Amino acid sequence: MNGLQFLLSPPVAFFFFLAVAGLLYVLGRAMAPGLNRTPGKLTTYACGEDIPGVKVQFGYRLFYVFALFFTIMHVAALVIATIPIGKIVYLGIIYLALIFLAILALITRD
């Protein structure tokens, strides 16, 4: 393995670009202006109104619904795209009807 092949190996390239990113971070931090602590600079702005801070707890429930939806749709698209020509196409139509019912059950629950 010659020197160029060694430099192009993934671990060496990873650490090289990690060092480049660190250097860019340090240079950017040195060039950035300092923060002047003035009243109201770090507060939330909403058209001049004072908005009290509220802690919001996000949940993953809606995320899982969307993730399941896209998984079902992508698998359905893959199955339909790979169905061979012939009488088996009618099974694809039945499959699409079942996918429609699954999506309908997913979005109309609760």
PDB file of N, CA and C in Angstrom:
ATOM      1  N   MET A   1       0.856  -1.172   0.000  1.00  0.00           N
ATOM      2  CA  MET A   1       0.000   0.000   0.000  1.00  0.00           C
ATOM      3  C   MET A   1       0.904   1.237   0.000  1.00  0.00           C
ATOM      4  N   ASN A   2       0.804   2.017  -1.051  1.00  0.00           N
ATOM      5  CA  ASN A   2       1.663   3.193  -1.111  1.00  0.00           C
ATOM      6  C   ASN A   2       1.081   4.329  -0.258  1.00  0.00           C
ATOM      7  N   GLY A   3       1.803   5.432  -0.145  1.00  0.00           N
ATOM      8  CA  GLY A   3       1.421   6.541   0.732  1.00  0.00           C
ATOM      9  C   GLY A   3       0.096   7.179   0.371  1.00  0.00           C
ATOM     10  N   LEU A   4      -0.190   7.293  -0.926  1.00  0.00           N
ATOM     11  CA  LEU A   4      -1.442   7.934  -1.348  1.00  0.00           C
ATOM     12  C   LEU A   4      -2.646   7.083  -0.988  1.00  0.00           C
ATOM     13  N   GLN A   5      -2.530   5.775  -1.128  1.00  0.00           N
ATOM     14  CA  GLN A   5      -3.629   4.880  -0.756  1.00  0.00           C
ATOM     15  C   GLN A   5      -3.913   4.962   0.736  1.00  0.00           C
ATOM     16  N   PHE A   6      -2.849   5.095   1.538  1.00  0.00           N
ATOM     17  CA  PHE A   6      -3.029   5.208   2.982  1.00  0.00           C
ATOM     18  C   PHE A   6      -3.762   6.498   3.340  1.00  0.00           C
ATOM     19  N   LEU A   7      -3.434   7.599   2.659  1.00  0.00           N
ATOM     20  CA  LEU A   7      -4.092   8.881   2.934  1.00  0.00           C
ATOM     21  C   LEU A   7      -5.562   8.881   2.523  1.00  0.00           C
ATOM     22  N   LEU A   8      -5.905   8.048   1.557  1.00  0.00           N
ATOM     23  CA  LEU A   8      -7.290   7.992   1.093  1.00  0.00           C
ATOM     24  C   LEU A   8      -8.140   6.985   1.845  1.00  0.00           C
ATOM     25  N   SER A   9      -7.560   6.321   2.832  1.00  0.00           N
ATOM     26  CA  SER A   9      -8.351   5.357   3.594  1.00  0.00           C
ATOM     27  C   SER A   9      -9.375   6.117   4.444  1.00  0.00           C
ATOM     28  N   PRO A  10     -10.544   5.536   4.671  1.00  0.00           N
ATOM     29  CA  PRO A  10     -11.601   6.257   5.398  1.00  0.00           C
ATOM     30  C   PRO A  10     -11.224   6.757   6.790  1.00  0.00           C
ATOM     31  N   PRO A  11     -10.534   5.998   7.636  1.00  0.00           N
ATOM     32  CA  PRO A  11     -10.206   6.564   8.955  1.00  0.00           C
ATOM     33  C   PRO A  11      -9.280   7.776   8.875  1.00  0.00           C
ATOM     34  N   VAL A  12      -8.293   7.721   7.994  1.00  0.00           N
ATOM     35  CA  VAL A  12      -7.371   8.846   7.852  1.00  0.00           C
ATOM     36  C   VAL A  12      -8.102  10.057   7.284  1.00  0.00           C
ATOM     37  N   ALA A  13      -8.944   9.843   6.291  1.00  0.00           N
ATOM     38  CA  ALA A  13      -9.708  10.943   5.715  1.00  0.00           C
ATOM     39  C   ALA A  13     -10.666  11.541   6.743  1.00  0.00           C
ATOM     40  N   PHE A  14     -11.279  10.691   7.586  1.00  0.00           N
ATOM     41  CA  PHE A  14     -12.189  11.189   8.615  1.00  0.00           C
ATOM     42  C   PHE A  14     -11.460  12.122   9.579  1.00  0.00           C
ATOM     43  N   PHE A  15     -10.316  11.677  10.087  1.00  0.00           N
ATOM     44  CA  PHE A  15      -9.586  12.506  11.042  1.00  0.00           C
ATOM     45  C   PHE A  15      -9.014  13.757  10.384  1.00  0.00           C
ATOM     46  N   PHE A  16      -8.640  13.673   9.122  1.00  0.00           N
ATOM     47  CA  PHE A  16      -8.165  14.852   8.402  1.00  0.00           C
ATOM     48  C   PHE A  16      -9.273  15.903   8.312  1.00  0.00           C
ATOM     49  N   PHE A  17     -10.460  15.489   7.882  1.00  0.00           N
ATOM     50  CA  PHE A  17     -11.553  16.455   7.747  1.00  0.00           C
ATOM     51  C   PHE A  17     -12.090  16.890   9.106  1.00  0.00           C
ATOM     52  N   LEU A  18     -11.955  16.061  10.121  1.00  0.00           N
ATOM     53  CA  LEU A  18     -12.298  16.482  11.478  1.00  0.00           C
ATOM     54  C   LEU A  18     -11.361  17.598  11.930  1.00  0.00           C
ATOM     55  N   ALA A  19     -10.083  17.470  11.614  1.00  0.00           N
ATOM     56  CA  ALA A  19      -9.115  18.518  11.946  1.00  0.00           C
ATOM     57  C   ALA A  19      -9.398  19.795  11.158  1.00  0.00           C
ATOM     58  N   VAL A  20      -9.745  19.668   9.885  1.00  0.00           N
ATOM     59  CA  VAL A  20     -10.087  20.842   9.077  1.00  0.00           C
ATOM     60  C   VAL A  20     -11.320  21.540   9.648  1.00  0.00           C
ATOM     61  N   ALA A  21     -12.336  20.782  10.038  1.00  0.00           N
ATOM     62  CA  ALA A  21     -13.539  21.369  10.624  1.00  0.00           C
ATOM     63  C   ALA A  21     -13.212  22.059  11.943  1.00  0.00           C
ATOM     64  N   GLY A  22     -12.380  21.455  12.769  1.00  0.00           N
ATOM     65  CA  GLY A  22     -11.974  22.083  14.023  1.00  0.00           C
ATOM     66  C   GLY A  22     -11.215  23.380  13.787  1.00  0.00           C
ATOM     67  N   LEU A  23     -10.345  23.386  12.792  1.00  0.00           N
ATOM     68  CA  LEU A  23      -9.606  24.593  12.445  1.00  0.00           C
ATOM     69  C   LEU A  23     -10.548  25.694  11.971  1.00  0.00           C
ATOM     70  N   LEU A  24     -11.514  25.350  11.134  1.00  0.00           N
ATOM     71  CA  LEU A  24     -12.500  26.343  10.685  1.00  0.00           C
ATOM     72  C   LEU A  24     -13.324  26.878  11.854  1.00  0.00           C
ATOM     73  N   TYR A  25     -13.646  26.009  12.807  1.00  0.00           N
ATOM     74  CA  TYR A  25     -14.394  26.435  13.990  1.00  0.00           C
ATOM     75  C   TYR A  25     -13.584  27.437  14.810  1.00  0.00           C
ATOM     76  N   VAL A  26     -12.313  27.132  15.045  1.00  0.00           N
ATOM     77  CA  VAL A  26     -11.464  28.014  15.840  1.00  0.00           C
ATOM     78  C   VAL A  26     -11.267  29.346  15.119  1.00  0.00           C
ATOM     79  N   LEU A  27     -11.009  29.314  13.812  1.00  0.00           N
ATOM     80  CA  LEU A  27     -10.838  30.551  13.053  1.00  0.00           C
ATOM     81  C   LEU A  27     -12.119  31.382  13.033  1.00  0.00           C
ATOM     82  N   GLY A  28     -13.245  30.736  12.865  1.00  0.00           N
ATOM     83  CA  GLY A  28     -14.519  31.459  12.866  1.00  0.00           C
ATOM     84  C   GLY A  28     -14.812  32.086  14.211  1.00  0.00           C
ATOM     85  N   ARG A  29     -14.491  31.387  15.278  1.00  0.00           N
ATOM     86  CA  ARG A  29     -14.716  31.929  16.614  1.00  0.00           C
ATOM     87  C   ARG A  29     -13.795  33.119  16.877  1.00  0.00           C
ATOM     88  N   ALA A  30     -12.579  33.071  16.361  1.00  0.00           N
ATOM     89  CA  ALA A  30     -11.646  34.176  16.549  1.00  0.00           C
ATOM     90  C   ALA A  30     -12.076  35.402  15.740  1.00  0.00           C
ATOM     91  N   MET A  31     -12.668  35.213  14.575  1.00  0.00           N
ATOM     92  CA  MET A  31     -13.074  36.325  13.721  1.00  0.00           C
ATOM     93  C   MET A  31     -14.427  36.916  14.112  1.00  0.00           C
ATOM     94  N   ALA A  32     -15.241  36.179  14.861  1.00  0.00           N
ATOM     95  CA  ALA A  32     -16.585  36.643  15.213  1.00  0.00           C
ATOM     96  C   ALA A  32     -16.508  37.774  16.232  1.00  0.00           C
ATOM     97  N   PRO A  33     -17.425  38.739  16.117  1.00  0.00           N
ATOM     98  CA  PRO A  33     -17.434  39.807  17.116  1.00  0.00           C
ATOM     99  C   PRO A  33     -17.908  39.287  18.463  1.00  0.00           C
ATOM    100  N   GLY A  34     -17.486  39.943  19.515  1.00  0.00           N
ATOM    101  CA  GLY A  34     -17.887  39.534  20.852  1.00  0.00           C
ATOM    102  C   GLY A  34     -19.338  39.886  21.128  1.00  0.00           C
ATOM    103  N   LEU A  35     -19.922  39.217  22.105  1.00  0.00           N
ATOM    104  CA  LEU A  35     -21.310  39.454  22.469  1.00  0.00           C
ATOM    105  C   LEU A  35     -21.385  40.592  23.469  1.00  0.00           C
ATOM    106  N   ASN A  36     -22.123  41.638  23.129  1.00  0.00           N
ATOM    107  CA  ASN A  36     -22.370  42.739  24.051  1.00  0.00           C
ATOM    108  C   ASN A  36     -23.629  42.418  24.831  1.00  0.00           C
ATOM    109  N   ARG A  37     -23.503  42.282  26.127  1.00  0.00           N
ATOM    110  CA  ARG A  37     -24.664  41.920  26.951  1.00  0.00           C
ATOM    111  C   ARG A  37     -25.514  43.160  27.204  1.00  0.00           C
ATOM    112  N   THR A  38     -26.478  43.372  26.344  1.00  0.00           N
ATOM    113  CA  THR A  38     -27.424  44.475  26.512  1.00  0.00           C
ATOM    114  C   THR A  38     -28.774  43.898  26.900  1.00  0.00           C
ATOM    115  N   PRO A  39     -29.581  44.667  27.655  1.00  0.00           N
ATOM    116  CA  PRO A  39     -30.894  44.146  28.062  1.00  0.00           C
ATOM    117  C   PRO A  39     -31.782  43.873  26.849  1.00  0.00           C
ATOM    118  N   GLY A  40     -32.397  42.748  26.847  1.00  0.00           N
ATOM    119  CA  GLY A  40     -33.322  42.398  25.769  1.00  0.00           C
ATOM    120  C   GLY A  40     -32.686  41.762  24.554  1.00  0.00           C
ATOM    121  N   LYS A  41     -31.369  41.658  24.509  1.00  0.00           N
ATOM    122  CA  LYS A  41     -30.721  41.101  23.326  1.00  0.00           C
ATOM    123  C   LYS A  41     -31.014  39.617  23.146  1.00  0.00           C
ATOM    124  N   LEU A  42     -31.073  38.892  24.223  1.00  0.00           N
ATOM    125  CA  LEU A  42     -31.285  37.451  24.137  1.00  0.00           C
ATOM    126  C   LEU A  42     -32.710  37.048  24.467  1.00  0.00           C
ATOM    127  N   THR A  43     -33.644  38.000  24.518  1.00  0.00           N
ATOM    128  CA  THR A  43     -35.039  37.677  24.811  1.00  0.00           C
ATOM    129  C   THR A  43     -35.790  37.389  23.517  1.00  0.00           C
ATOM    130  N   THR A  44     -36.913  36.716  23.651  1.00  0.00           N
ATOM    131  CA  THR A  44     -37.744  36.399  22.497  1.00  0.00           C
ATOM    132  C   THR A  44     -38.430  37.660  21.990  1.00  0.00           C
ATOM    133  N   TYR A  45     -38.456  37.836  20.690  1.00  0.00           N
ATOM    134  CA  TYR A  45     -39.101  39.015  20.104  1.00  0.00           C
ATOM    135  C   TYR A  45     -40.323  38.574  19.309  1.00  0.00           C
ATOM    136  N   ALA A  46     -41.450  39.211  19.598  1.00  0.00           N
ATOM    137  CA  ALA A  46     -42.668  38.944  18.860  1.00  0.00           C
ATOM    138  C   ALA A  46     -43.418  40.250  18.658  1.00  0.00           C
ATOM    139  N   CYS A  47     -42.968  41.050  17.722  1.00  0.00           N
ATOM    140  CA  CYS A  47     -43.613  42.322  17.369  1.00  0.00           C
ATOM    141  C   CYS A  47     -43.708  43.262  18.570  1.00  0.00           C
ATOM    142  N   GLY A  48     -42.708  43.288  19.405  1.00  0.00           N
ATOM    143  CA  GLY A  48     -42.687  44.201  20.528  1.00  0.00           C
ATOM    144  C   GLY A  48     -43.396  43.711  21.770  1.00  0.00           C
ATOM    145  N   GLU A  49     -44.030  42.559  21.721  1.00  0.00           N
ATOM    146  CA  GLU A  49     -44.748  42.044  22.882  1.00  0.00           C
ATOM    147  C   GLU A  49     -43.813  41.201  23.745  1.00  0.00           C
ATOM    148  N   ASP A  50     -44.036  41.272  25.046  1.00  0.00           N
ATOM    149  CA  ASP A  50     -43.289  40.415  25.957  1.00  0.00           C
ATOM    150  C   ASP A  50     -43.981  39.061  26.031  1.00  0.00           C
ATOM    151  N   ILE A  51     -43.244  38.016  25.748  1.00  0.00           N
ATOM    152  CA  ILE A  51     -43.804  36.670  25.785  1.00  0.00           C
ATOM    153  C   ILE A  51     -43.096  35.907  26.898  1.00  0.00           C
ATOM    154  N   PRO A  52     -43.851  35.431  27.882  1.00  0.00           N
ATOM    155  CA  PRO A  52     -43.199  34.659  28.947  1.00  0.00           C
ATOM    156  C   PRO A  52     -42.727  33.306  28.420  1.00  0.00           C
ATOM    157  N   GLY A  53     -41.625  32.861  28.943  1.00  0.00           N
ATOM    158  CA  GLY A  53     -41.095  31.561  28.523  1.00  0.00           C
ATOM    159  C   GLY A  53     -41.953  30.425  29.046  1.00  0.00           C
ATOM    160  N   VAL A  54     -42.214  29.471  28.194  1.00  0.00           N
ATOM    161  CA  VAL A  54     -43.014  28.309  28.558  1.00  0.00           C
ATOM    162  C   VAL A  54     -42.233  27.062  28.162  1.00  0.00           C
ATOM    163  N   LYS A  55     -42.156  26.122  29.082  1.00  0.00           N
ATOM    164  CA  LYS A  55     -41.475  24.873  28.765  1.00  0.00           C
ATOM    165  C   LYS A  55     -42.426  23.976  27.987  1.00  0.00           C
ATOM    166  N   VAL A  56     -41.970  23.498  26.855  1.00  0.00           N
ATOM    167  CA  VAL A  56     -42.785  22.645  25.996  1.00  0.00           C
ATOM    168  C   VAL A  56     -42.139  21.269  25.947  1.00  0.00           C
ATOM    169  N   GLN A  57     -42.934  20.248  26.169  1.00  0.00           N
ATOM    170  CA  GLN A  57     -42.444  18.875  26.093  1.00  0.00           C
ATOM    171  C   GLN A  57     -42.944  18.242  24.796  1.00  0.00           C
ATOM    172  N   PHE A  58     -42.031  17.973  23.902  1.00  0.00           N
ATOM    173  CA  PHE A  58     -42.398  17.366  22.642  1.00  0.00           C
ATOM    174  C   PHE A  58     -42.465  15.856  22.800  1.00  0.00           C
ATOM    175  N   GLY A  59     -43.372  15.250  22.076  1.00  0.00           N
ATOM    176  CA  GLY A  59     -43.484  13.803  22.095  1.00  0.00           C
ATOM    177  C   GLY A  59     -43.216  13.232  20.713  1.00  0.00           C
ATOM    178  N   TYR A  60     -42.981  11.949  20.698  1.00  0.00           N
ATOM    179  CA  TYR A  60     -42.686  11.270  19.433  1.00  0.00           C
ATOM    180  C   TYR A  60     -43.897  10.575  18.836  1.00  0.00           C
ATOM    181  N   ARG A  61     -45.057  10.728  19.462  1.00  0.00           N
ATOM    182  CA  ARG A  61     -46.234   9.997  18.988  1.00  0.00           C
ATOM    183  C   ARG A  61     -46.583  10.354  17.542  1.00  0.00           C
ATOM    184  N   LEU A  62     -46.623  11.643  17.226  1.00  0.00           N
ATOM    185  CA  LEU A  62     -46.941  12.056  15.863  1.00  0.00           C
ATOM    186  C   LEU A  62     -45.836  11.654  14.890  1.00  0.00           C
ATOM    187  N   PHE A  63     -44.589  11.669  15.365  1.00  0.00           N
ATOM    188  CA  PHE A  63     -43.477  11.251  14.513  1.00  0.00           C
ATOM    189  C   PHE A  63     -43.632   9.796  14.085  1.00  0.00           C
ATOM    190  N   TYR A  64     -44.029   8.941  15.021  1.00  0.00           N
ATOM    191  CA  TYR A  64     -44.174   7.522  14.702  1.00  0.00           C
ATOM    192  C   TYR A  64     -45.308   7.287  13.700  1.00  0.00           C
ATOM    193  N   VAL A  65     -46.361   8.089  13.785  1.00  0.00           N
ATOM    194  CA  VAL A  65     -47.446   7.968  12.808  1.00  0.00           C
ATOM    195  C   VAL A  65     -46.922   8.295  11.416  1.00  0.00           C
ATOM    196  N   PHE A  66     -46.174   9.398  11.287  1.00  0.00           N
ATOM    197  CA  PHE A  66     -45.626   9.763   9.985  1.00  0.00           C
ATOM    198  C   PHE A  66     -44.589   8.754   9.504  1.00  0.00           C
ATOM    199  N   ALA A  67     -43.775   8.262  10.412  1.00  0.00           N
ATOM    200  CA  ALA A  67     -42.768   7.263  10.024  1.00  0.00           C
ATOM    201  C   ALA A  67     -43.432   5.991   9.519  1.00  0.00           C
ATOM    202  N   LEU A  68     -44.485   5.553  10.204  1.00  0.00           N
ATOM    203  CA  LEU A  68     -45.202   4.362   9.760  1.00  0.00           C
ATOM    204  C   LEU A  68     -45.883   4.599   8.417  1.00  0.00           C
ATOM    205  N   PHE A  69     -46.445   5.797   8.238  1.00  0.00           N
ATOM    206  CA  PHE A  69     -47.080   6.138   6.965  1.00  0.00           C
ATOM    207  C   PHE A  69     -46.078   6.049   5.814  1.00  0.00           C
ATOM    208  N   PHE A  70     -44.920   6.689   5.959  1.00  0.00           N
ATOM    209  CA  PHE A  70     -43.937   6.673   4.882  1.00  0.00           C
ATOM    210  C   PHE A  70     -43.355   5.284   4.667  1.00  0.00           C
ATOM    211  N   THR A  71     -43.221   4.497   5.724  1.00  0.00           N
ATOM    212  CA  THR A  71     -42.739   3.125   5.548  1.00  0.00           C
ATOM    213  C   THR A  71     -43.736   2.311   4.742  1.00  0.00           C
ATOM    214  N   ILE A  72     -45.008   2.409   5.089  1.00  0.00           N
ATOM    215  CA  ILE A  72     -46.041   1.675   4.348  1.00  0.00           C
ATOM    216  C   ILE A  72     -46.062   2.115   2.889  1.00  0.00           C
ATOM    217  N   MET A  73     -45.991   3.413   2.651  1.00  0.00           N
ATOM    218  CA  MET A  73     -46.052   3.911   1.268  1.00  0.00           C
ATOM    219  C   MET A  73     -44.822   3.484   0.458  1.00  0.00           C
ATOM    220  N   HIS A  74     -43.653   3.518   1.062  1.00  0.00           N
ATOM    221  CA  HIS A  74     -42.455   3.132   0.315  1.00  0.00           C
ATOM    222  C   HIS A  74     -42.431   1.636   0.017  1.00  0.00           C
ATOM    223  N   VAL A  75     -42.842   0.830   0.961  1.00  0.00           N
ATOM    224  CA  VAL A  75     -42.904  -0.612   0.706  1.00  0.00           C
ATOM    225  C   VAL A  75     -43.953  -0.911  -0.356  1.00  0.00           C
ATOM    226  N   ALA A  76     -45.098  -0.220  -0.290  1.00  0.00           N
ATOM    227  CA  ALA A  76     -46.137  -0.423  -1.309  1.00  0.00           C
ATOM    228  C   ALA A  76     -45.623  -0.028  -2.694  1.00  0.00           C
ATOM    229  N   ALA A  77     -44.922   1.094  -2.782  1.00  0.00           N
ATOM    230  CA  ALA A  77     -44.380   1.521  -4.075  1.00  0.00           C
ATOM    231  C   ALA A  77     -43.362   0.514  -4.600  1.00  0.00           C
ATOM    232  N   LEU A  78     -42.532  -0.030  -3.719  1.00  0.00           N
ATOM    233  CA  LEU A  78     -41.551  -1.031  -4.146  1.00  0.00           C
ATOM    234  C   LEU A  78     -42.232  -2.303  -4.631  1.00  0.00           C
ATOM    235  N   VAL A  79     -43.261  -2.759  -3.921  1.00  0.00           N
ATOM    236  CA  VAL A  79     -43.965  -3.985  -4.317  1.00  0.00           C
ATOM    237  C   VAL A  79     -44.680  -3.778  -5.642  1.00  0.00           C
ATOM    238  N   ILE A  80     -45.376  -2.664  -5.784  1.00  0.00           N
ATOM    239  CA  ILE A  80     -46.123  -2.403  -7.025  1.00  0.00           C
ATOM    240  C   ILE A  80     -45.170  -2.223  -8.202  1.00  0.00           C
ATOM    241  N   ALA A  81     -44.029  -1.580  -7.964  1.00  0.00           N
ATOM    242  CA  ALA A  81     -43.080  -1.351  -9.054  1.00  0.00           C
ATOM    243  C   ALA A  81     -42.424  -2.631  -9.546  1.00  0.00           C
ATOM    244  N   THR A  82     -42.403  -3.669  -8.723  1.00  0.00           N
ATOM    245  CA  THR A  82     -41.712  -4.897  -9.116  1.00  0.00           C
ATOM    246  C   THR A  82     -42.665  -6.040  -9.467  1.00  0.00           C
ATOM    247  N   ILE A  83     -43.949  -5.756  -9.597  1.00  0.00           N
ATOM    248  CA  ILE A  83     -44.894  -6.807  -9.997  1.00  0.00           C
ATOM    249  C   ILE A  83     -44.696  -7.110 -11.485  1.00  0.00           C
ATOM    250  N   PRO A  84     -44.536  -8.378 -11.839  1.00  0.00           N
ATOM    251  CA  PRO A  84     -44.374  -8.712 -13.258  1.00  0.00           C
ATOM    252  C   PRO A  84     -45.693  -8.568 -14.015  1.00  0.00           C
ATOM    253  N   ILE A  85     -45.579  -8.482 -15.325  1.00  0.00           N
ATOM    254  CA  ILE A  85     -46.762  -8.353 -16.178  1.00  0.00           C
ATOM    255  C   ILE A  85     -47.456  -9.707 -16.266  1.00  0.00           C
ATOM    256  N   GLY A  86     -48.760  -9.683 -16.238  1.00  0.00           N
ATOM    257  CA  GLY A  86     -49.539 -10.916 -16.331  1.00  0.00           C
ATOM    258  C   GLY A  86     -50.759 -10.840 -15.437  1.00  0.00           C
ATOM    259  N   LYS A  87     -51.340 -11.983 -15.180  1.00  0.00           N
ATOM    260  CA  LYS A  87     -52.551 -12.009 -14.363  1.00  0.00           C
ATOM    261  C   LYS A  87     -52.279 -11.681 -12.898  1.00  0.00           C
ATOM    262  N   ILE A  88     -51.036 -11.737 -12.489  1.00  0.00           N
ATOM    263  CA  ILE A  88     -50.696 -11.410 -11.110  1.00  0.00           C
ATOM    264  C   ILE A  88     -50.910  -9.926 -10.804  1.00  0.00           C
ATOM    265  N   VAL A  89     -51.073  -9.112 -11.828  1.00  0.00           N
ATOM    266  CA  VAL A  89     -51.323  -7.680 -11.640  1.00  0.00           C
ATOM    267  C   VAL A  89     -52.596  -7.462 -10.829  1.00  0.00           C
ATOM    268  N   TYR A  90     -53.556  -8.349 -10.947  1.00  0.00           N
ATOM    269  CA  TYR A  90     -54.800  -8.210 -10.178  1.00  0.00           C
ATOM    270  C   TYR A  90     -54.533  -8.340  -8.675  1.00  0.00           C
ATOM    271  N   LEU A  91     -53.555  -9.134  -8.304  1.00  0.00           N
ATOM    272  CA  LEU A  91     -53.166  -9.198  -6.902  1.00  0.00           C
ATOM    273  C   LEU A  91     -52.575  -7.866  -6.439  1.00  0.00           C
ATOM    274  N   GLY A  92     -51.926  -7.169  -7.342  1.00  0.00           N
ATOM    275  CA  GLY A  92     -51.391  -5.843  -7.020  1.00  0.00           C
ATOM    276  C   GLY A  92     -52.503  -4.852  -6.717  1.00  0.00           C
ATOM    277  N   ILE A  93     -53.605  -4.956  -7.448  1.00  0.00           N
ATOM    278  CA  ILE A  93     -54.754  -4.080  -7.189  1.00  0.00           C
ATOM    279  C   ILE A  93     -55.352  -4.394  -5.820  1.00  0.00           C
ATOM    280  N   ILE A  94     -55.447  -5.661  -5.487  1.00  0.00           N
ATOM    281  CA  ILE A  94     -55.940  -6.047  -4.164  1.00  0.00           C
ATOM    282  C   ILE A  94     -54.970  -5.556  -3.082  1.00  0.00           C
ATOM    283  N   TYR A  95     -53.688  -5.669  -3.354  1.00  0.00           N
ATOM    284  CA  TYR A  95     -52.674  -5.183  -2.413  1.00  0.00           C
ATOM    285  C   TYR A  95     -52.823  -3.682  -2.188  1.00  0.00           C
ATOM    286  N   LEU A  96     -53.045  -2.917  -3.258  1.00  0.00           N
ATOM    287  CA  LEU A  96     -53.235  -1.472  -3.112  1.00  0.00           C
ATOM    288  C   LEU A  96     -54.485  -1.156  -2.306  1.00  0.00           C
ATOM    289  N   ALA A  97     -55.534  -1.939  -2.484  1.00  0.00           N
ATOM    290  CA  ALA A  97     -56.746  -1.722  -1.691  1.00  0.00           C
ATOM    291  C   ALA A  97     -56.463  -1.967  -0.210  1.00  0.00           C
ATOM    292  N   LEU A  98     -55.692  -3.003   0.103  1.00  0.00           N
ATOM    293  CA  LEU A  98     -55.339  -3.270   1.494  1.00  0.00           C
ATOM    294  C   LEU A  98     -54.438  -2.178   2.070  1.00  0.00           C
ATOM    295  N   ILE A  99     -53.535  -1.660   1.268  1.00  0.00           N
ATOM    296  CA  ILE A  99     -52.685  -0.553   1.707  1.00  0.00           C
ATOM    297  C   ILE A  99     -53.541   0.679   1.974  1.00  0.00           C
ATOM    298  N   PHE A 100     -54.525   0.919   1.114  1.00  0.00           N
ATOM    299  CA  PHE A 100     -55.438   2.043   1.326  1.00  0.00           C
ATOM    300  C   PHE A 100     -56.165   1.900   2.654  1.00  0.00           C
ATOM    301  N   LEU A 101     -56.625   0.704   2.967  1.00  0.00           N
ATOM    302  CA  LEU A 101     -57.320   0.480   4.234  1.00  0.00           C
ATOM    303  C   LEU A 101     -56.368   0.652   5.428  1.00  0.00           C
ATOM    304  N   ALA A 102     -55.122   0.229   5.276  1.00  0.00           N
ATOM    305  CA  ALA A 102     -54.149   0.393   6.361  1.00  0.00           C
ATOM    306  C   ALA A 102     -53.858   1.862   6.619  1.00  0.00           C
ATOM    307  N   ILE A 103     -53.688   2.636   5.555  1.00  0.00           N
ATOM    308  CA  ILE A 103     -53.440   4.076   5.705  1.00  0.00           C
ATOM    309  C   ILE A 103     -54.669   4.763   6.278  1.00  0.00           C
ATOM    310  N   LEU A 104     -55.840   4.361   5.830  1.00  0.00           N
ATOM    311  CA  LEU A 104     -57.083   4.929   6.356  1.00  0.00           C
ATOM    312  C   LEU A 104     -57.210   4.656   7.849  1.00  0.00           C
ATOM    313  N   ALA A 105     -56.881   3.444   8.273  1.00  0.00           N
ATOM    314  CA  ALA A 105     -56.922   3.111   9.701  1.00  0.00           C
ATOM    315  C   ALA A 105     -55.872   3.902  10.480  1.00  0.00           C
ATOM    316  N   LEU A 106     -54.743   4.172   9.858  1.00  0.00           N
ATOM    317  CA  LEU A 106     -53.682   4.899  10.532  1.00  0.00           C
ATOM    318  C   LEU A 106     -54.049   6.362  10.752  1.00  0.00           C
ATOM    319  N   ILE A 107     -54.641   6.988   9.759  1.00  0.00           N
ATOM    320  CA  ILE A 107     -54.905   8.424   9.877  1.00  0.00           C
ATOM    321  C   ILE A 107     -56.231   8.732  10.543  1.00  0.00           C
ATOM    322  N   THR A 108     -57.129   7.761  10.694  1.00  0.00           N
ATOM    323  CA  THR A 108     -58.413   8.057  11.317  1.00  0.00           C
ATOM    324  C   THR A 108     -58.524   7.508  12.730  1.00  0.00           C
ATOM    325  N   ARG A 109     -57.464   6.980  13.285  1.00  0.00           N
ATOM    326  CA  ARG A 109     -57.551   6.449  14.645  1.00  0.00           C
ATOM    327  C   ARG A 109     -57.572   7.606  15.643  1.00  0.00           C
ATOM    328  N   ASP A 110     -58.049   7.327  16.841  1.00  0.00           N
ATOM    329  CA  ASP A 110     -58.224   8.308  17.923  1.00  0.00           C
ATOM    330  C   ASP A 110     -59.239   9.314  17.508  1.00  0.00           C
TER     331      ASP A 110
END
